[in-house]
Amino acid sequence: MTDENIESVEMNGAKAELLGNDTYSHRMLLDNGENVIEITATDKAGNKTTKNITVFAKFEGPVIEKLTPQEDHYLDTGESVKITMV
């Protein structure tokens, strides 16, 4: 967000840091799934504008299925085992 008249920016109620060139940043933790982020900009006259954006986060890893071998194998030097999965 850029505007020379912006006094401050908040994201979900926390003050965003001015990085320079009228660019603001704020780190936040996201929940798995849908996250609504409320951004409020206040100008030097005290006027406020609020916008909401939705960010979707997916933290689950891939599912490994049909892994073979299904039990532990102990190998001696020089032996090998083939591992497959879908």
N, C-alpha and C. Protein backbone atom coordinates (compact mmCIF):
# COMPACT_ATOMS: atom_id res chain seq x y z
N MET A 1 0.85 -1.16 0.00
CA MET A 1 0.00 0.00 0.00
C MET A 1 0.90 1.22 0.00
N THR A 2 0.65 2.13 -0.90
CA THR A 2 1.49 3.32 -0.97
C THR A 2 0.61 4.56 -1.04
N ASP A 3 0.98 5.56 -0.29
CA ASP A 3 0.31 6.86 -0.29
C ASP A 3 1.10 7.74 0.65
N GLU A 4 1.52 8.89 0.16
CA GLU A 4 2.35 9.76 0.99
C GLU A 4 1.61 10.34 2.19
N ASN A 5 0.27 10.25 2.21
CA ASN A 5 -0.51 10.79 3.32
C ASN A 5 -0.87 9.75 4.37
N ILE A 6 -0.43 8.52 4.22
CA ILE A 6 -0.75 7.49 5.21
C ILE A 6 0.09 7.71 6.46
N GLU A 7 -0.58 7.72 7.58
CA GLU A 7 0.08 7.89 8.88
C GLU A 7 0.47 6.54 9.47
N SER A 8 -0.47 5.55 9.37
CA SER A 8 -0.19 4.23 9.93
C SER A 8 -1.04 3.18 9.24
N VAL A 9 -0.59 1.93 9.37
CA VAL A 9 -1.31 0.78 8.83
C VAL A 9 -1.34 -0.29 9.91
N GLU A 10 -2.52 -0.89 10.09
CA GLU A 10 -2.66 -2.01 11.04
C GLU A 10 -3.18 -3.23 10.29
N MET A 11 -2.70 -4.38 10.71
CA MET A 11 -3.16 -5.65 10.16
C MET A 11 -3.66 -6.49 11.32
N ASN A 12 -4.95 -6.79 11.32
CA ASN A 12 -5.61 -7.50 12.43
C ASN A 12 -5.32 -6.83 13.77
N GLY A 13 -5.31 -5.50 13.76
CA GLY A 13 -5.13 -4.73 14.99
C GLY A 13 -3.70 -4.50 15.41
N ALA A 14 -2.72 -5.09 14.72
CA ALA A 14 -1.31 -4.90 15.06
C ALA A 14 -0.68 -3.91 14.08
N LYS A 15 0.12 -3.01 14.61
CA LYS A 15 0.74 -1.98 13.78
C LYS A 15 1.74 -2.60 12.80
N ALA A 16 1.61 -2.21 11.53
CA ALA A 16 2.56 -2.66 10.51
C ALA A 16 3.77 -1.74 10.50
N GLU A 17 4.90 -2.29 10.11
CA GLU A 17 6.16 -1.55 10.11
C GLU A 17 6.34 -0.86 8.76
N LEU A 18 6.73 0.42 8.79
CA LEU A 18 7.03 1.16 7.58
C LEU A 18 8.43 0.77 7.13
N LEU A 19 8.53 0.18 5.93
CA LEU A 19 9.82 -0.28 5.42
C LEU A 19 10.52 0.78 4.60
N GLY A 20 9.82 1.76 4.15
CA GLY A 20 10.36 2.79 3.26
C GLY A 20 9.57 2.79 1.97
N ASN A 21 9.68 3.88 1.22
CA ASN A 21 8.93 4.02 -0.03
C ASN A 21 7.45 3.77 0.18
N ASP A 22 6.91 4.19 1.34
CA ASP A 22 5.50 4.00 1.68
C ASP A 22 5.06 2.55 1.61
N THR A 23 5.95 1.63 1.93
CA THR A 23 5.66 0.19 1.94
C THR A 23 5.61 -0.27 3.39
N TYR A 24 4.54 -1.01 3.72
CA TYR A 24 4.33 -1.49 5.08
C TYR A 24 4.40 -3.01 5.12
N SER A 25 4.84 -3.54 6.27
CA SER A 25 4.96 -4.99 6.42
C SER A 25 4.59 -5.38 7.85
N HIS A 26 4.00 -6.57 7.96
CA HIS A 26 3.70 -7.12 9.29
C HIS A 26 3.70 -8.63 9.19
N ARG A 27 4.45 -9.30 10.04
CA ARG A 27 4.48 -10.76 10.07
C ARG A 27 3.40 -11.25 11.00
N MET A 28 2.71 -12.31 10.57
CA MET A 28 1.68 -12.89 11.41
C MET A 28 1.63 -14.38 11.17
N LEU A 29 1.17 -15.09 12.18
CA LEU A 29 0.98 -16.53 12.05
C LEU A 29 -0.37 -16.80 11.40
N LEU A 30 -0.38 -17.74 10.47
CA LEU A 30 -1.62 -18.13 9.81
C LEU A 30 -2.08 -19.47 10.34
N ASP A 31 -3.38 -19.65 10.40
CA ASP A 31 -3.96 -20.94 10.73
C ASP A 31 -4.10 -21.76 9.46
N ASN A 32 -4.14 -23.05 9.62
CA ASN A 32 -4.40 -23.91 8.48
C ASN A 32 -5.81 -23.61 7.97
N GLY A 33 -5.94 -23.44 6.67
CA GLY A 33 -7.25 -23.13 6.09
C GLY A 33 -7.40 -21.65 5.82
N GLU A 34 -8.63 -21.17 5.98
CA GLU A 34 -8.96 -19.79 5.63
C GLU A 34 -8.55 -18.82 6.73
N ASN A 35 -7.90 -17.72 6.34
CA ASN A 35 -7.48 -16.66 7.26
C ASN A 35 -7.96 -15.33 6.70
N VAL A 36 -8.77 -14.60 7.45
CA VAL A 36 -9.21 -13.28 7.03
C VAL A 36 -8.31 -12.26 7.71
N ILE A 37 -7.70 -11.39 6.89
CA ILE A 37 -6.80 -10.36 7.40
C ILE A 37 -7.45 -9.00 7.18
N GLU A 38 -7.64 -8.27 8.28
CA GLU A 38 -8.23 -6.94 8.21
C GLU A 38 -7.10 -5.91 8.19
N ILE A 39 -7.08 -5.09 7.15
CA ILE A 39 -6.05 -4.07 6.99
C ILE A 39 -6.70 -2.71 7.12
N THR A 40 -6.20 -1.89 8.05
CA THR A 40 -6.73 -0.56 8.28
C THR A 40 -5.62 0.46 8.06
N ALA A 41 -5.88 1.40 7.16
CA ALA A 41 -4.93 2.50 6.91
C ALA A 41 -5.53 3.78 7.47
N THR A 42 -4.70 4.53 8.17
CA THR A 42 -5.12 5.81 8.73
C THR A 42 -4.26 6.90 8.12
N ASP A 43 -4.90 7.95 7.59
CA ASP A 43 -4.11 9.03 6.99
C ASP A 43 -3.78 10.09 8.04
N LYS A 44 -3.04 11.10 7.64
CA LYS A 44 -2.57 12.13 8.57
C LYS A 44 -3.71 12.98 9.13
N ALA A 45 -4.88 12.98 8.46
CA ALA A 45 -6.04 13.72 8.95
C ALA A 45 -6.90 12.87 9.89
N GLY A 46 -6.52 11.59 10.09
CA GLY A 46 -7.26 10.72 10.99
C GLY A 46 -8.34 9.91 10.30
N ASN A 47 -8.48 10.04 9.00
CA ASN A 47 -9.45 9.24 8.25
C ASN A 47 -8.96 7.81 8.14
N LYS A 48 -9.88 6.85 8.24
CA LYS A 48 -9.51 5.43 8.20
C LYS A 48 -10.23 4.73 7.06
N THR A 49 -9.53 3.79 6.45
CA THR A 49 -10.11 2.90 5.45
C THR A 49 -9.72 1.49 5.83
N THR A 50 -10.70 0.59 5.82
CA THR A 50 -10.45 -0.81 6.19
C THR A 50 -10.85 -1.71 5.04
N LYS A 51 -9.99 -2.67 4.74
CA LYS A 51 -10.25 -3.70 3.73
C LYS A 51 -9.92 -5.05 4.33
N ASN A 52 -10.65 -6.07 3.90
CA ASN A 52 -10.36 -7.44 4.32
C ASN A 52 -9.87 -8.24 3.12
N ILE A 53 -8.87 -9.06 3.36
CA ILE A 53 -8.42 -10.01 2.36
C ILE A 53 -8.45 -11.40 2.98
N THR A 54 -8.63 -12.40 2.16
CA THR A 54 -8.66 -13.78 2.65
C THR A 54 -7.47 -14.52 2.07
N VAL A 55 -6.74 -15.19 2.94
CA VAL A 55 -5.58 -15.98 2.54
C VAL A 55 -5.85 -17.42 2.96
N PHE A 56 -5.61 -18.36 2.06
CA PHE A 56 -5.78 -19.77 2.37
C PHE A 56 -4.41 -20.41 2.56
N ALA A 57 -4.20 -21.08 3.69
CA ALA A 57 -2.93 -21.75 3.98
C ALA A 57 -3.17 -23.25 4.08
N LYS A 58 -2.27 -24.00 3.51
CA LYS A 58 -2.37 -25.46 3.58
C LYS A 58 -1.05 -25.98 4.13
N PHE A 59 -1.11 -26.48 5.36
CA PHE A 59 0.09 -26.94 6.04
C PHE A 59 0.25 -28.45 6.05
N GLU A 60 -0.76 -29.18 5.58
CA GLU A 60 -0.65 -30.63 5.59
C GLU A 60 0.34 -31.08 4.53
N GLY A 61 1.12 -32.07 4.87
CA GLY A 61 2.05 -32.65 3.92
C GLY A 61 1.34 -33.66 3.04
N PRO A 62 2.05 -34.18 2.06
CA PRO A 62 1.43 -35.18 1.19
C PRO A 62 1.17 -36.48 1.96
N VAL A 63 0.19 -37.24 1.50
CA VAL A 63 -0.15 -38.52 2.11
C VAL A 63 0.60 -39.62 1.36
N ILE A 64 1.32 -40.45 2.10
CA ILE A 64 2.03 -41.57 1.51
C ILE A 64 1.18 -42.81 1.69
N GLU A 65 0.86 -43.45 0.59
CA GLU A 65 0.02 -44.65 0.64
C GLU A 65 0.74 -45.81 -0.02
N LYS A 66 0.31 -47.01 0.35
CA LYS A 66 0.81 -48.25 -0.25
C LYS A 66 2.34 -48.31 -0.22
N LEU A 67 2.89 -48.03 0.94
CA LEU A 67 4.34 -48.09 1.14
C LEU A 67 4.77 -49.53 1.34
N THR A 68 5.75 -49.97 0.56
CA THR A 68 6.31 -51.32 0.75
C THR A 68 7.81 -51.21 0.86
N PRO A 69 8.45 -51.98 1.67
CA PRO A 69 7.86 -53.00 2.54
C PRO A 69 7.13 -52.34 3.70
N GLN A 70 6.14 -53.05 4.24
CA GLN A 70 5.32 -52.52 5.32
C GLN A 70 5.91 -52.78 6.70
N GLU A 71 6.92 -53.59 6.79
CA GLU A 71 7.54 -53.86 8.08
C GLU A 71 9.04 -53.56 7.98
N ASP A 72 9.70 -53.49 9.14
CA ASP A 72 11.14 -53.21 9.17
C ASP A 72 11.93 -54.35 8.55
N HIS A 73 12.99 -53.99 7.84
CA HIS A 73 13.92 -54.97 7.29
C HIS A 73 15.31 -54.61 7.78
N TYR A 74 16.03 -55.63 8.21
CA TYR A 74 17.40 -55.42 8.65
C TYR A 74 18.31 -55.97 7.58
N LEU A 75 19.25 -55.14 7.13
CA LEU A 75 20.12 -55.52 6.02
C LEU A 75 21.53 -55.75 6.50
N ASP A 76 22.16 -56.69 5.87
CA ASP A 76 23.59 -56.91 6.08
C ASP A 76 24.34 -56.12 5.03
N THR A 77 25.60 -55.88 5.26
CA THR A 77 26.43 -55.15 4.30
C THR A 77 26.30 -55.77 2.92
N GLY A 78 26.06 -54.91 1.93
CA GLY A 78 25.95 -55.37 0.56
C GLY A 78 24.54 -55.71 0.13
N GLU A 79 23.59 -55.87 1.06
CA GLU A 79 22.21 -56.17 0.70
C GLU A 79 21.46 -54.87 0.37
N SER A 80 20.38 -54.99 -0.38
CA SER A 80 19.59 -53.81 -0.72
C SER A 80 18.11 -54.14 -0.51
N VAL A 81 17.32 -53.08 -0.49
CA VAL A 81 15.89 -53.24 -0.37
C VAL A 81 15.23 -52.24 -1.34
N LYS A 82 14.13 -52.65 -1.95
CA LYS A 82 13.39 -51.77 -2.85
C LYS A 82 12.23 -51.19 -2.09
N ILE A 83 12.13 -49.87 -2.09
CA ILE A 83 11.04 -49.17 -1.40
C ILE A 83 10.16 -48.54 -2.45
N THR A 84 8.84 -48.81 -2.39
CA THR A 84 7.90 -48.22 -3.33
C THR A 84 6.76 -47.58 -2.56
N MET A 85 6.13 -46.59 -3.21
CA MET A 85 4.94 -45.94 -2.62
C MET A 85 4.15 -45.31 -3.74
N VAL A 86 2.90 -45.00 -3.42
CA VAL A 86 2.03 -44.35 -4.37
C VAL A 86 1.73 -42.95 -3.86
